[in-house]
PDB file of all heavy atoms in Angstrom:
ATOM      1  N   PHE A   1       0.847  -1.187   0.000  1.00  0.00           N
ATOM      2  CA  PHE A   1       0.000   0.000   0.000  1.00  0.00           C
ATOM      3  C   PHE A   1       0.884   1.240   0.000  1.00  0.00           C
ATOM      4  O   PHE A   1       1.895   1.294   0.681  1.00  0.00           O
ATOM      5  CB  PHE A   1      -0.913   0.027   1.228  1.00  0.00           C
ATOM      6  CG  PHE A   1      -1.969  -1.044   1.202  1.00  0.00           C
ATOM      7  CD1 PHE A   1      -2.182  -1.845   2.300  1.00  0.00           C
ATOM      8  CD2 PHE A   1      -2.758  -1.244   0.081  1.00  0.00           C
ATOM      9  CE1 PHE A   1      -3.146  -2.820   2.288  1.00  0.00           C
ATOM     10  CE2 PHE A   1      -3.721  -2.220   0.067  1.00  0.00           C
ATOM     11  CZ  PHE A   1      -3.924  -3.009   1.164  1.00  0.00           C
ATOM     12  N   ASP A   2       0.483   2.218  -0.770  1.00  0.00           N
ATOM     13  CA  ASP A   2       1.243   3.452  -0.850  1.00  0.00           C
ATOM     14  C   ASP A   2       0.289   4.595  -0.547  1.00  0.00           C
ATOM     15  O   ASP A   2      -0.842   4.606  -1.018  1.00  0.00           O
ATOM     16  CB  ASP A   2       1.846   3.603  -2.246  1.00  0.00           C
ATOM     17  CG  ASP A   2       2.912   4.666  -2.303  1.00  0.00           C
ATOM     18  OD1 ASP A   2       3.294   5.169  -1.235  1.00  0.00           O
ATOM     19  OD2 ASP A   2       3.367   4.989  -3.411  1.00  0.00           O
ATOM     20  N   ASN A   3       0.718   5.538   0.212  1.00  0.00           N
ATOM     21  CA  ASN A   3      -0.132   6.659   0.617  1.00  0.00           C
ATOM     22  C   ASN A   3      -0.107   7.728  -0.471  1.00  0.00           C
ATOM     23  O   ASN A   3       0.574   8.731  -0.364  1.00  0.00           O
ATOM     24  CB  ASN A   3       0.351   7.212   1.965  1.00  0.00           C
ATOM     25  CG  ASN A   3      -0.661   8.136   2.584  1.00  0.00           C
ATOM     26  OD1 ASN A   3      -1.805   8.223   2.147  1.00  0.00           O
ATOM     27  ND2 ASN A   3      -0.243   8.843   3.598  1.00  0.00           N
ATOM     28  N   LYS A   4      -0.860   7.486  -1.532  1.00  0.00           N
ATOM     29  CA  LYS A   4      -0.892   8.396  -2.672  1.00  0.00           C
ATOM     30  C   LYS A   4      -1.891   9.521  -2.417  1.00  0.00           C
ATOM     31  O   LYS A   4      -2.722   9.457  -1.522  1.00  0.00           O
ATOM     32  CB  LYS A   4      -1.316   7.644  -3.942  1.00  0.00           C
ATOM     33  CG  LYS A   4      -0.331   6.614  -4.395  1.00  0.00           C
ATOM     34  CD  LYS A   4       0.836   7.274  -5.033  1.00  0.00           C
ATOM     35  CE  LYS A   4       1.762   6.264  -5.668  1.00  0.00           C
ATOM     36  NZ  LYS A   4       2.967   6.830  -6.134  1.00  0.00           N
ATOM     37  N   SER A   5      -1.802  10.538  -3.268  1.00  0.00           N
ATOM     38  CA  SER A   5      -2.739  11.653  -3.165  1.00  0.00           C
ATOM     39  C   SER A   5      -3.894  11.510  -4.139  1.00  0.00           C
ATOM     40  O   SER A   5      -4.635  12.454  -4.358  1.00  0.00           O
ATOM     41  CB  SER A   5      -2.000  12.968  -3.432  1.00  0.00           C
ATOM     42  OG  SER A   5      -1.060  13.183  -2.415  1.00  0.00           O
ATOM     43  N   GLU A   6      -4.040  10.335  -4.713  1.00  0.00           N
ATOM     44  CA  GLU A   6      -5.127  10.123  -5.666  1.00  0.00           C
ATOM     45  C   GLU A   6      -5.560   8.666  -5.647  1.00  0.00           C
ATOM     46  O   GLU A   6      -4.834   7.781  -5.208  1.00  0.00           O
ATOM     47  CB  GLU A   6      -4.680  10.498  -7.080  1.00  0.00           C
ATOM     48  CG  GLU A   6      -3.514   9.673  -7.570  1.00  0.00           C
ATOM     49  CD  GLU A   6      -3.018  10.109  -8.923  1.00  0.00           C
ATOM     50  OE1 GLU A   6      -3.080  11.308  -9.234  1.00  0.00           O
ATOM     51  OE2 GLU A   6      -2.557   9.243  -9.678  1.00  0.00           O
ATOM     52  N   VAL A   7      -6.771   8.443  -6.125  1.00  0.00           N
ATOM     53  CA  VAL A   7      -7.295   7.091  -6.282  1.00  0.00           C
ATOM     54  C   VAL A   7      -8.195   7.103  -7.522  1.00  0.00           C
ATOM     55  O   VAL A   7      -8.769   8.140  -7.877  1.00  0.00           O
ATOM     56  CB  VAL A   7      -8.064   6.620  -5.020  1.00  0.00           C
ATOM     57  CG1 VAL A   7      -9.354   7.376  -4.822  1.00  0.00           C
ATOM     58  CG2 VAL A   7      -8.335   5.136  -5.068  1.00  0.00           C
ATOM     59  N   GLN A   8      -8.274   5.972  -8.178  1.00  0.00           N
ATOM     60  CA  GLN A   8      -9.097   5.872  -9.371  1.00  0.00           C
ATOM     61  C   GLN A   8     -10.158   4.807  -9.146  1.00  0.00           C
ATOM     62  O   GLN A   8      -9.849   3.698  -8.718  1.00  0.00           O
ATOM     63  CB  GLN A   8      -8.234   5.504 -10.583  1.00  0.00           C
ATOM     64  CG  GLN A   8      -8.974   5.513 -11.886  1.00  0.00           C
ATOM     65  CD  GLN A   8      -8.043   5.244 -13.063  1.00  0.00           C
ATOM     66  OE1 GLN A   8      -6.885   4.899 -12.899  1.00  0.00           O
ATOM     67  NE2 GLN A   8      -8.558   5.407 -14.254  1.00  0.00           N
ATOM     68  N   ILE A   9     -11.402   5.164  -9.448  1.00  0.00           N
ATOM     69  CA  ILE A   9     -12.507   4.216  -9.345  1.00  0.00           C
ATOM     70  C   ILE A   9     -12.864   3.788 -10.764  1.00  0.00           C
ATOM     71  O   ILE A   9     -13.113   4.626 -11.635  1.00  0.00           O
ATOM     72  CB  ILE A   9     -13.734   4.842  -8.657  1.00  0.00           C
ATOM     73  CG1 ILE A   9     -13.381   5.239  -7.221  1.00  0.00           C
ATOM     74  CG2 ILE A   9     -14.907   3.869  -8.675  1.00  0.00           C
ATOM     75  CD1 ILE A   9     -14.492   5.980  -6.508  1.00  0.00           C
ATOM     76  N   ILE A  10     -12.899   2.491 -10.987  1.00  0.00           N
ATOM     77  CA  ILE A  10     -13.232   1.924 -12.288  1.00  0.00           C
ATOM     78  C   ILE A  10     -14.604   1.276 -12.167  1.00  0.00           C
ATOM     79  O   ILE A  10     -14.812   0.427 -11.307  1.00  0.00           O
ATOM     80  CB  ILE A  10     -12.198   0.847 -12.698  1.00  0.00           C
ATOM     81  CG1 ILE A  10     -10.788   1.393 -12.662  1.00  0.00           C
ATOM     82  CG2 ILE A  10     -12.538   0.247 -14.040  1.00  0.00           C
ATOM     83  CD1 ILE A  10     -10.499   2.470 -13.658  1.00  0.00           C
ATOM     84  N   VAL A  11     -15.549   1.685 -13.021  1.00  0.00           N
ATOM     85  CA  VAL A  11     -16.903   1.141 -12.987  1.00  0.00           C
ATOM     86  C   VAL A  11     -17.186   0.483 -14.335  1.00  0.00           C
ATOM     87  O   VAL A  11     -17.074   1.130 -15.375  1.00  0.00           O
ATOM     88  CB  VAL A  11     -17.944   2.248 -12.714  1.00  0.00           C
ATOM     89  CG1 VAL A  11     -19.339   1.655 -12.637  1.00  0.00           C
ATOM     90  CG2 VAL A  11     -17.612   3.001 -11.438  1.00  0.00           C
ATOM     91  N   ASP A  12     -17.539  -0.790 -14.293  1.00  0.00           N
ATOM     92  CA  ASP A  12     -17.965  -1.516 -15.491  1.00  0.00           C
ATOM     93  C   ASP A  12     -19.430  -1.864 -15.312  1.00  0.00           C
ATOM     94  O   ASP A  12     -19.776  -2.763 -14.545  1.00  0.00           O
ATOM     95  CB  ASP A  12     -17.147  -2.794 -15.681  1.00  0.00           C
ATOM     96  CG  ASP A  12     -15.744  -2.534 -16.150  1.00  0.00           C
ATOM     97  OD1 ASP A  12     -15.573  -1.654 -17.011  1.00  0.00           O
ATOM     98  OD2 ASP A  12     -14.821  -3.204 -15.670  1.00  0.00           O
ATOM     99  N   LEU A  13     -20.287  -1.152 -16.007  1.00  0.00           N
ATOM    100  CA  LEU A  13     -21.724  -1.410 -15.951  1.00  0.00           C
ATOM    101  C   LEU A  13     -22.064  -2.521 -16.950  1.00  0.00           C
ATOM    102  O   LEU A  13     -21.278  -2.811 -17.855  1.00  0.00           O
ATOM    103  CB  LEU A  13     -22.482  -0.127 -16.270  1.00  0.00           C
ATOM    104  CG  LEU A  13     -22.243   1.005 -15.266  1.00  0.00           C
ATOM    105  CD1 LEU A  13     -22.769   2.321 -15.791  1.00  0.00           C
ATOM    106  CD2 LEU A  13     -22.882   0.666 -13.944  1.00  0.00           C
ATOM    107  N   PRO A  14     -23.240  -3.123 -16.817  1.00  0.00           N
ATOM    108  CA  PRO A  14     -23.611  -4.195 -17.753  1.00  0.00           C
ATOM    109  C   PRO A  14     -23.672  -3.681 -19.196  1.00  0.00           C
ATOM    110  O   PRO A  14     -23.951  -2.508 -19.442  1.00  0.00           O
ATOM    111  CB  PRO A  14     -25.000  -4.624 -17.270  1.00  0.00           C
ATOM    112  CG  PRO A  14     -25.123  -4.119 -15.884  1.00  0.00           C
ATOM    113  CD  PRO A  14     -24.250  -2.918 -15.782  1.00  0.00           C
ATOM    114  N   GLU A  15     -23.408  -4.583 -20.129  1.00  0.00           N
ATOM    115  CA  GLU A  15     -23.515  -4.230 -21.553  1.00  0.00           C
ATOM    116  C   GLU A  15     -24.928  -3.750 -21.846  1.00  0.00           C
ATOM    117  O   GLU A  15     -25.897  -4.241 -21.286  1.00  0.00           O
ATOM    118  CB  GLU A  15     -23.188  -5.450 -22.427  1.00  0.00           C
ATOM    119  CG  GLU A  15     -21.752  -5.886 -22.374  1.00  0.00           C
ATOM    120  CD  GLU A  15     -20.806  -4.911 -23.055  1.00  0.00           C
ATOM    121  OE1 GLU A  15     -21.212  -4.250 -24.035  1.00  0.00           O
ATOM    122  OE2 GLU A  15     -19.666  -4.804 -22.589  1.00  0.00           O
ATOM    123  N   GLY A  16     -25.040  -2.776 -22.714  1.00  0.00           N
ATOM    124  CA  GLY A  16     -26.352  -2.260 -23.103  1.00  0.00           C
ATOM    125  C   GLY A  16     -26.795  -1.042 -22.321  1.00  0.00           C
ATOM    126  O   GLY A  16     -27.814  -0.430 -22.647  1.00  0.00           O
ATOM    127  N   VAL A  17     -26.072  -0.683 -21.272  1.00  0.00           N
ATOM    128  CA  VAL A  17     -26.411   0.517 -20.503  1.00  0.00           C
ATOM    129  C   VAL A  17     -26.089   1.737 -21.374  1.00  0.00           C
ATOM    130  O   VAL A  17     -25.057   1.791 -22.024  1.00  0.00           O
ATOM    131  CB  VAL A  17     -25.602   0.548 -19.183  1.00  0.00           C
ATOM    132  CG1 VAL A  17     -25.765   1.869 -18.469  1.00  0.00           C
ATOM    133  CG2 VAL A  17     -26.027  -0.590 -18.278  1.00  0.00           C
ATOM    134  N   THR A  18     -26.983   2.695 -21.373  1.00  0.00           N
ATOM    135  CA  THR A  18     -26.772   3.876 -22.211  1.00  0.00           C
ATOM    136  C   THR A  18     -25.771   4.825 -21.551  1.00  0.00           C
ATOM    137  O   THR A  18     -25.522   4.758 -20.351  1.00  0.00           O
ATOM    138  CB  THR A  18     -28.092   4.626 -22.444  1.00  0.00           C
ATOM    139  OG1 THR A  18     -28.551   5.136 -21.191  1.00  0.00           O
ATOM    140  CG2 THR A  18     -29.141   3.728 -23.066  1.00  0.00           C
ATOM    141  N   LEU A  19     -25.241   5.710 -22.360  1.00  0.00           N
ATOM    142  CA  LEU A  19     -24.298   6.708 -21.871  1.00  0.00           C
ATOM    143  C   LEU A  19     -24.967   7.610 -20.836  1.00  0.00           C
ATOM    144  O   LEU A  19     -24.344   7.998 -19.841  1.00  0.00           O
ATOM    145  CB  LEU A  19     -23.758   7.528 -23.046  1.00  0.00           C
ATOM    146  CG  LEU A  19     -22.527   8.354 -22.811  1.00  0.00           C
ATOM    147  CD1 LEU A  19     -21.358   7.485 -22.386  1.00  0.00           C
ATOM    148  CD2 LEU A  19     -22.161   9.133 -24.058  1.00  0.00           C
ATOM    149  N   GLU A  20     -26.232   7.918 -21.033  1.00  0.00           N
ATOM    150  CA  GLU A  20     -26.961   8.767 -20.087  1.00  0.00           C
ATOM    151  C   GLU A  20     -27.119   8.078 -18.737  1.00  0.00           C
ATOM    152  O   GLU A  20     -27.000   8.713 -17.681  1.00  0.00           O
ATOM    153  CB  GLU A  20     -28.347   9.134 -20.651  1.00  0.00           C
ATOM    154  CG  GLU A  20     -28.302  10.074 -21.831  1.00  0.00           C
ATOM    155  CD  GLU A  20     -27.939   9.365 -23.147  1.00  0.00           C
ATOM    156  OE1 GLU A  20     -28.027   8.109 -23.223  1.00  0.00           O
ATOM    157  OE2 GLU A  20     -27.534  10.073 -24.083  1.00  0.00           O
ATOM    158  N   GLU A  21     -27.394   6.769 -18.738  1.00  0.00           N
ATOM    159  CA  GLU A  21     -27.515   6.029 -17.476  1.00  0.00           C
ATOM    160  C   GLU A  21     -26.165   5.976 -16.748  1.00  0.00           C
ATOM    161  O   GLU A  21     -26.111   6.120 -15.523  1.00  0.00           O
ATOM    162  CB  GLU A  21     -28.027   4.604 -17.740  1.00  0.00           C
ATOM    163  CG  GLU A  21     -29.464   4.547 -18.211  1.00  0.00           C
ATOM    164  CD  GLU A  21     -29.874   3.155 -18.668  1.00  0.00           C
ATOM    165  OE1 GLU A  21     -29.064   2.480 -19.335  1.00  0.00           O
ATOM    166  OE2 GLU A  21     -31.003   2.755 -18.341  1.00  0.00           O
ATOM    167  N   SER A  22     -25.100   5.775 -17.503  1.00  0.00           N
ATOM    168  CA  SER A  22     -23.762   5.769 -16.908  1.00  0.00           C
ATOM    169  C   SER A  22     -23.437   7.130 -16.308  1.00  0.00           C
ATOM    170  O   SER A  22     -22.880   7.227 -15.211  1.00  0.00           O
ATOM    171  CB  SER A  22     -22.705   5.403 -17.958  1.00  0.00           C
ATOM    172  OG  SER A  22     -22.921   4.114 -18.455  1.00  0.00           O
ATOM    173  N   ALA A  23     -23.793   8.204 -17.024  1.00  0.00           N
ATOM    174  CA  ALA A  23     -23.538   9.556 -16.528  1.00  0.00           C
ATOM    175  C   ALA A  23     -24.345   9.828 -15.261  1.00  0.00           C
ATOM    176  O   ALA A  23     -23.847  10.459 -14.326  1.00  0.00           O
ATOM    177  CB  ALA A  23     -23.855  10.585 -17.603  1.00  0.00           C
ATOM    178  N   ALA A  24     -25.594   9.344 -15.212  1.00  0.00           N
ATOM    179  CA  ALA A  24     -26.428   9.540 -14.025  1.00  0.00           C
ATOM    180  C   ALA A  24     -25.808   8.830 -12.810  1.00  0.00           C
ATOM    181  O   ALA A  24     -25.764   9.390 -11.706  1.00  0.00           O
ATOM    182  CB  ALA A  24     -27.836   9.023 -14.284  1.00  0.00           C
ATOM    183  N   LEU A  25     -25.326   7.608 -13.023  1.00  0.00           N
ATOM    184  CA  LEU A  25     -24.679   6.881 -11.928  1.00  0.00           C
ATOM    185  C   LEU A  25     -23.422   7.612 -11.466  1.00  0.00           C
ATOM    186  O   LEU A  25     -23.177   7.749 -10.262  1.00  0.00           O
ATOM    187  CB  LEU A  25     -24.310   5.461 -12.364  1.00  0.00           C
ATOM    188  CG  LEU A  25     -23.493   4.678 -11.343  1.00  0.00           C
ATOM    189  CD1 LEU A  25     -24.354   4.298 -10.141  1.00  0.00           C
ATOM    190  CD2 LEU A  25     -22.865   3.467 -11.963  1.00  0.00           C
TER     191      LEU A  25
END
């Protein structure tokens, strides 16, 4: 573990989800 000043969250939604639904989430 490293005490960084940033973190990245990766979200993989189910296939077929629209861009608008992803943006809302």
